[in-house]
Amino acid sequence: MSDSPTPGASGTITGGSPVQARTASRLKPVAATLVGIPAAAIVIAAANGAGVPLVGDGAAALVALWILGSVMCAFGISAMRERFGAGRANLAGMPLGLLATALVLSGLFGWPLLLQPIVDALGGSESASLVRAAIVGVGGVMVVKWTIAWLSYLPRGTARATT
């Protein structure tokens, strides 16, 4: 019998080495962080009012950030589901992902409702566009999600019942 994974009765992959599964699970947050490096460059450039090579400073940068954030989310949610199950992994991630999507769509379609506070924080409409505000807002959401994911790796004490 080989160590290669085989489909089980429920459609899930069974077999393979437990060491391979643990290693893959530990590499996912690292991979998400590596994907986050160009995302951080886009956000920092937008916060400073500059563009990024290849994507610029407009809608293309916002879409690139949305794609990078989605890839980071896929790595992160996969690792968290393996460790905590779907319920706990989705508890904070899904609402924050929906907020990020709403910010992206607001920036792409020019809807100021969610973005106006960010525009004001960046110096007002004279110095910041809705797209730039969306990039900075999505970057903030990404930092929160990334922090939650990495904080989940901190060791926790176990609760003990007192009698």
C-alpha atoms as a PDB file:
ATOM      1  CA  MET A   1       0.000   0.000   0.000  1.00  0.00           C
ATOM      2  CA  SER A   2       1.373   3.426  -0.884  1.00  0.00           C
ATOM      3  CA  ASP A   3       1.433   6.696   1.052  1.00  0.00           C
ATOM      4  CA  SER A   4      -0.345   8.550  -1.734  1.00  0.00           C
ATOM      5  CA  PRO A   5      -3.725  10.040  -0.816  1.00  0.00           C
ATOM      6  CA  THR A   6      -6.820   8.266  -2.099  1.00  0.00           C
ATOM      7  CA  PRO A   7     -10.414   9.461  -2.235  1.00  0.00           C
ATOM      8  CA  GLY A   8     -12.466   8.150   0.684  1.00  0.00           C
ATOM      9  CA  ALA A   9     -16.142   7.252   0.787  1.00  0.00           C
ATOM     10  CA  SER A  10     -17.171  10.780   1.739  1.00  0.00           C
ATOM     11  CA  GLY A  11     -15.194  12.343  -1.104  1.00  0.00           C
ATOM     12  CA  THR A  12     -12.396  13.485   1.205  1.00  0.00           C
ATOM     13  CA  ILE A  13      -8.793  12.538   0.734  1.00  0.00           C
ATOM     14  CA  THR A  14      -7.628   9.756   3.016  1.00  0.00           C
ATOM     15  CA  GLY A  15      -4.301   8.075   3.448  1.00  0.00           C
ATOM     16  CA  GLY A  16      -0.973   9.802   3.172  1.00  0.00           C
ATOM     17  CA  SER A  17       1.366  10.538   6.004  1.00  0.00           C
ATOM     18  CA  PRO A  18       0.220  12.526   9.077  1.00  0.00           C
ATOM     19  CA  VAL A  19       3.593  14.247   8.971  1.00  0.00           C
ATOM     20  CA  GLN A  20       2.869  15.469   5.418  1.00  0.00           C
ATOM     21  CA  ALA A  21      -0.498  16.870   6.561  1.00  0.00           C
ATOM     22  CA  ARG A  22       1.020  18.700   9.547  1.00  0.00           C
ATOM     23  CA  THR A  23       3.826  20.136   7.428  1.00  0.00           C
ATOM     24  CA  ALA A  24       1.398  21.351   4.766  1.00  0.00           C
ATOM     25  CA  SER A  25      -0.812  22.913   7.443  1.00  0.00           C
ATOM     26  CA  ARG A  26       2.169  24.750   8.951  1.00  0.00           C
ATOM     27  CA  LEU A  27       3.327  26.049   5.582  1.00  0.00           C
ATOM     28  CA  LYS A  28      -0.009  27.626   4.645  1.00  0.00           C
ATOM     29  CA  PRO A  29       0.317  30.644   6.990  1.00  0.00           C
ATOM     30  CA  VAL A  30       3.867  31.190   5.764  1.00  0.00           C
ATOM     31  CA  ALA A  31       2.680  31.041   2.150  1.00  0.00           C
ATOM     32  CA  ALA A  32      -0.112  33.495   2.972  1.00  0.00           C
ATOM     33  CA  THR A  33       2.428  35.856   4.529  1.00  0.00           C
ATOM     34  CA  LEU A  34       4.641  35.660   1.445  1.00  0.00           C
ATOM     35  CA  VAL A  35       1.653  36.500  -0.762  1.00  0.00           C
ATOM     36  CA  GLY A  36       1.002  39.402   1.591  1.00  0.00           C
ATOM     37  CA  ILE A  37       4.314  41.095   0.807  1.00  0.00           C
ATOM     38  CA  PRO A  38       3.230  42.495  -2.592  1.00  0.00           C
ATOM     39  CA  ALA A  39      -0.181  43.273  -1.069  1.00  0.00           C
ATOM     40  CA  ALA A  40       1.538  45.333   1.628  1.00  0.00           C
ATOM     41  CA  ALA A  41       3.556  47.151  -1.046  1.00  0.00           C
ATOM     42  CA  ILE A  42       0.326  48.127  -2.843  1.00  0.00           C
ATOM     43  CA  VAL A  43      -1.263  49.405   0.382  1.00  0.00           C
ATOM     44  CA  ILE A  44       1.827  51.336   1.499  1.00  0.00           C
ATOM     45  CA  ALA A  45       2.151  52.946  -1.930  1.00  0.00           C
ATOM     46  CA  ALA A  46      -1.536  53.944  -1.896  1.00  0.00           C
ATOM     47  CA  ALA A  47      -1.271  55.324   1.635  1.00  0.00           C
ATOM     48  CA  ASN A  48       1.643  57.485   0.460  1.00  0.00           C
ATOM     49  CA  GLY A  49      -0.167  58.562  -2.701  1.00  0.00           C
ATOM     50  CA  ALA A  50       2.166  56.690  -5.044  1.00  0.00           C
ATOM     51  CA  GLY A  51       1.664  53.969  -7.614  1.00  0.00           C
ATOM     52  CA  VAL A  52       3.116  50.486  -7.801  1.00  0.00           C
ATOM     53  CA  PRO A  53       5.007  49.182 -10.836  1.00  0.00           C
ATOM     54  CA  LEU A  54       2.874  46.962 -13.097  1.00  0.00           C
ATOM     55  CA  VAL A  55      -0.446  47.874 -11.455  1.00  0.00           C
ATOM     56  CA  GLY A  56      -0.277  51.631 -10.911  1.00  0.00           C
ATOM     57  CA  ASP A  57      -2.407  53.390  -8.340  1.00  0.00           C
ATOM     58  CA  GLY A  58      -5.960  53.015  -9.605  1.00  0.00           C
ATOM     59  CA  ALA A  59      -8.496  50.295 -10.169  1.00  0.00           C
ATOM     60  CA  ALA A  60      -5.858  47.818 -11.358  1.00  0.00           C
ATOM     61  CA  ALA A  61      -4.051  48.125  -8.015  1.00  0.00           C
ATOM     62  CA  LEU A  62      -7.346  47.624  -6.177  1.00  0.00           C
ATOM     63  CA  VAL A  63      -8.184  44.486  -8.193  1.00  0.00           C
ATOM     64  CA  ALA A  64      -4.631  43.154  -7.704  1.00  0.00           C
ATOM     65  CA  LEU A  65      -5.004  43.703  -3.951  1.00  0.00           C
ATOM     66  CA  TRP A  66      -8.374  41.924  -3.984  1.00  0.00           C
ATOM     67  CA  ILE A  67      -6.829  38.925  -5.761  1.00  0.00           C
ATOM     68  CA  LEU A  68      -3.833  38.786  -3.409  1.00  0.00           C
ATOM     69  CA  GLY A  69      -6.167  39.068  -0.414  1.00  0.00           C
ATOM     70  CA  SER A  70      -8.310  36.228  -1.740  1.00  0.00           C
ATOM     71  CA  VAL A  71      -5.252  34.006  -2.130  1.00  0.00           C
ATOM     72  CA  MET A  72      -4.105  34.861   1.391  1.00  0.00           C
ATOM     73  CA  CYS A  73      -7.588  34.094   2.685  1.00  0.00           C
ATOM     74  CA  ALA A  74      -7.666  30.733   0.927  1.00  0.00           C
ATOM     75  CA  PHE A  75      -4.380  29.694   2.524  1.00  0.00           C
ATOM     76  CA  GLY A  76      -5.389  31.007   5.930  1.00  0.00           C
ATOM     77  CA  ILE A  77      -8.892  29.581   6.072  1.00  0.00           C
ATOM     78  CA  SER A  78      -7.622  26.206   4.892  1.00  0.00           C
ATOM     79  CA  ALA A  79      -5.044  26.075   7.688  1.00  0.00           C
ATOM     80  CA  MET A  80      -7.518  27.273  10.323  1.00  0.00           C
ATOM     81  CA  ARG A  81     -10.192  24.778   9.247  1.00  0.00           C
ATOM     82  CA  GLU A  82      -7.679  21.952   9.623  1.00  0.00           C
ATOM     83  CA  ARG A  83      -6.924  23.092  13.163  1.00  0.00           C
ATOM     84  CA  PHE A  84     -10.254  24.357  14.486  1.00  0.00           C
ATOM     85  CA  GLY A  85     -13.010  23.166  12.162  1.00  0.00           C
ATOM     86  CA  ALA A  86     -15.150  25.208   9.797  1.00  0.00           C
ATOM     87  CA  GLY A  87     -17.265  26.993  12.397  1.00  0.00           C
ATOM     88  CA  ARG A  88     -14.524  28.695  14.370  1.00  0.00           C
ATOM     89  CA  ALA A  89     -12.424  29.392  11.295  1.00  0.00           C
ATOM     90  CA  ASN A  90     -15.288  31.229   9.602  1.00  0.00           C
ATOM     91  CA  LEU A  91     -16.426  33.152  12.677  1.00  0.00           C
ATOM     92  CA  ALA A  92     -14.273  36.240  12.083  1.00  0.00           C
ATOM     93  CA  GLY A  93     -12.937  35.541   8.613  1.00  0.00           C
ATOM     94  CA  MET A  94     -16.191  35.609   6.677  1.00  0.00           C
ATOM     95  CA  PRO A  95     -17.535  38.946   7.994  1.00  0.00           C
ATOM     96  CA  LEU A  96     -14.146  40.572   7.486  1.00  0.00           C
ATOM     97  CA  GLY A  97     -13.918  39.107   3.981  1.00  0.00           C
ATOM     98  CA  LEU A  98     -17.362  40.499   3.183  1.00  0.00           C
ATOM     99  CA  LEU A  99     -16.266  43.903   4.484  1.00  0.00           C
ATOM    100  CA  ALA A 100     -13.160  43.791   2.278  1.00  0.00           C
ATOM    101  CA  THR A 101     -15.294  42.853  -0.733  1.00  0.00           C
ATOM    102  CA  ALA A 102     -17.708  45.697   0.014  1.00  0.00           C
ATOM    103  CA  LEU A 103     -14.769  48.122   0.206  1.00  0.00           C
ATOM    104  CA  VAL A 104     -13.378  46.876  -3.124  1.00  0.00           C
ATOM    105  CA  LEU A 105     -16.743  47.196  -4.858  1.00  0.00           C
ATOM    106  CA  SER A 106     -17.259  50.643  -3.330  1.00  0.00           C
ATOM    107  CA  GLY A 107     -13.910  51.761  -4.720  1.00  0.00           C
ATOM    108  CA  LEU A 108     -14.495  50.256  -8.165  1.00  0.00           C
ATOM    109  CA  PHE A 109     -18.009  51.650  -8.587  1.00  0.00           C
ATOM    110  CA  GLY A 110     -17.487  54.975  -6.788  1.00  0.00           C
ATOM    111  CA  TRP A 111     -19.824  54.373  -3.842  1.00  0.00           C
ATOM    112  CA  PRO A 112     -18.702  56.754  -1.071  1.00  0.00           C
ATOM    113  CA  LEU A 113     -20.752  55.414   1.875  1.00  0.00           C
ATOM    114  CA  LEU A 114     -18.111  53.062   3.312  1.00  0.00           C
ATOM    115  CA  LEU A 115     -15.106  54.948   1.994  1.00  0.00           C
ATOM    116  CA  GLN A 116     -15.795  58.553   3.007  1.00  0.00           C
ATOM    117  CA  PRO A 117     -14.286  58.182   6.513  1.00  0.00           C
ATOM    118  CA  ILE A 118     -11.116  56.740   4.967  1.00  0.00           C
ATOM    119  CA  VAL A 119     -10.993  59.541   2.364  1.00  0.00           C
ATOM    120  CA  ASP A 120     -11.281  62.089   5.174  1.00  0.00           C
ATOM    121  CA  ALA A 121      -8.492  60.352   7.131  1.00  0.00           C
ATOM    122  CA  LEU A 122      -6.255  60.470   4.045  1.00  0.00           C
ATOM    123  CA  GLY A 123      -6.632  64.237   3.707  1.00  0.00           C
ATOM    124  CA  GLY A 124     -10.023  64.736   2.074  1.00  0.00           C
ATOM    125  CA  SER A 125     -11.324  64.344  -1.443  1.00  0.00           C
ATOM    126  CA  GLU A 126      -8.754  66.810  -2.808  1.00  0.00           C
ATOM    127  CA  SER A 127      -5.890  64.452  -2.013  1.00  0.00           C
ATOM    128  CA  ALA A 128      -7.486  60.964  -1.920  1.00  0.00           C
ATOM    129  CA  SER A 129      -9.751  59.183  -4.384  1.00  0.00           C
ATOM    130  CA  LEU A 130     -12.287  56.533  -3.497  1.00  0.00           C
ATOM    131  CA  VAL A 131     -10.043  53.898  -5.114  1.00  0.00           C
ATOM    132  CA  ARG A 132      -7.094  54.948  -2.963  1.00  0.00           C
ATOM    133  CA  ALA A 133      -9.330  54.882   0.124  1.00  0.00           C
ATOM    134  CA  ALA A 134     -10.554  51.404  -0.820  1.00  0.00           C
ATOM    135  CA  ILE A 135      -6.969  50.158  -1.141  1.00  0.00           C
ATOM    136  CA  VAL A 136      -6.081  51.497   2.298  1.00  0.00           C
ATOM    137  CA  GLY A 137      -9.322  50.146   3.824  1.00  0.00           C
ATOM    138  CA  VAL A 138      -8.862  46.678   2.335  1.00  0.00           C
ATOM    139  CA  GLY A 139      -5.261  46.733   3.552  1.00  0.00           C
ATOM    140  CA  GLY A 140      -6.503  47.423   7.069  1.00  0.00           C
ATOM    141  CA  VAL A 141      -8.938  44.509   6.908  1.00  0.00           C
ATOM    142  CA  MET A 142      -6.163  42.261   5.585  1.00  0.00           C
ATOM    143  CA  VAL A 143      -3.909  43.209   8.509  1.00  0.00           C
ATOM    144  CA  VAL A 144      -6.682  42.345  10.981  1.00  0.00           C
ATOM    145  CA  LYS A 145      -7.321  38.959   9.332  1.00  0.00           C
ATOM    146  CA  TRP A 146      -3.608  38.172   9.137  1.00  0.00           C
ATOM    147  CA  THR A 147      -3.167  39.085  12.818  1.00  0.00           C
ATOM    148  CA  ILE A 148      -6.090  36.893  13.879  1.00  0.00           C
ATOM    149  CA  ALA A 149      -4.632  33.970  11.928  1.00  0.00           C
ATOM    150  CA  TRP A 150      -1.170  34.316  13.466  1.00  0.00           C
ATOM    151  CA  LEU A 151      -2.527  34.897  16.978  1.00  0.00           C
ATOM    152  CA  SER A 152      -4.277  31.541  16.690  1.00  0.00           C
ATOM    153  CA  TYR A 153      -0.830  29.918  16.766  1.00  0.00           C
ATOM    154  CA  LEU A 154       0.015  31.291  20.219  1.00  0.00           C
ATOM    155  CA  PRO A 155       0.066  28.598  22.881  1.00  0.00           C
ATOM    156  CA  ARG A 156      -2.930  28.530  25.144  1.00  0.00           C
ATOM    157  CA  GLY A 157      -3.288  27.131  28.612  1.00  0.00           C
ATOM    158  CA  THR A 158      -5.872  24.459  29.109  1.00  0.00           C
ATOM    159  CA  ALA A 159      -8.835  25.139  31.334  1.00  0.00           C
ATOM    160  CA  ARG A 160      -9.013  22.887  34.355  1.00  0.00           C
ATOM    161  CA  ALA A 161     -12.100  22.174  36.371  1.00  0.00           C
ATOM    162  CA  THR A 162     -11.789  22.843  40.073  1.00  0.00           C
ATOM    163  CA  THR A 163     -13.451  20.522  42.521  1.00  0.00           C
END
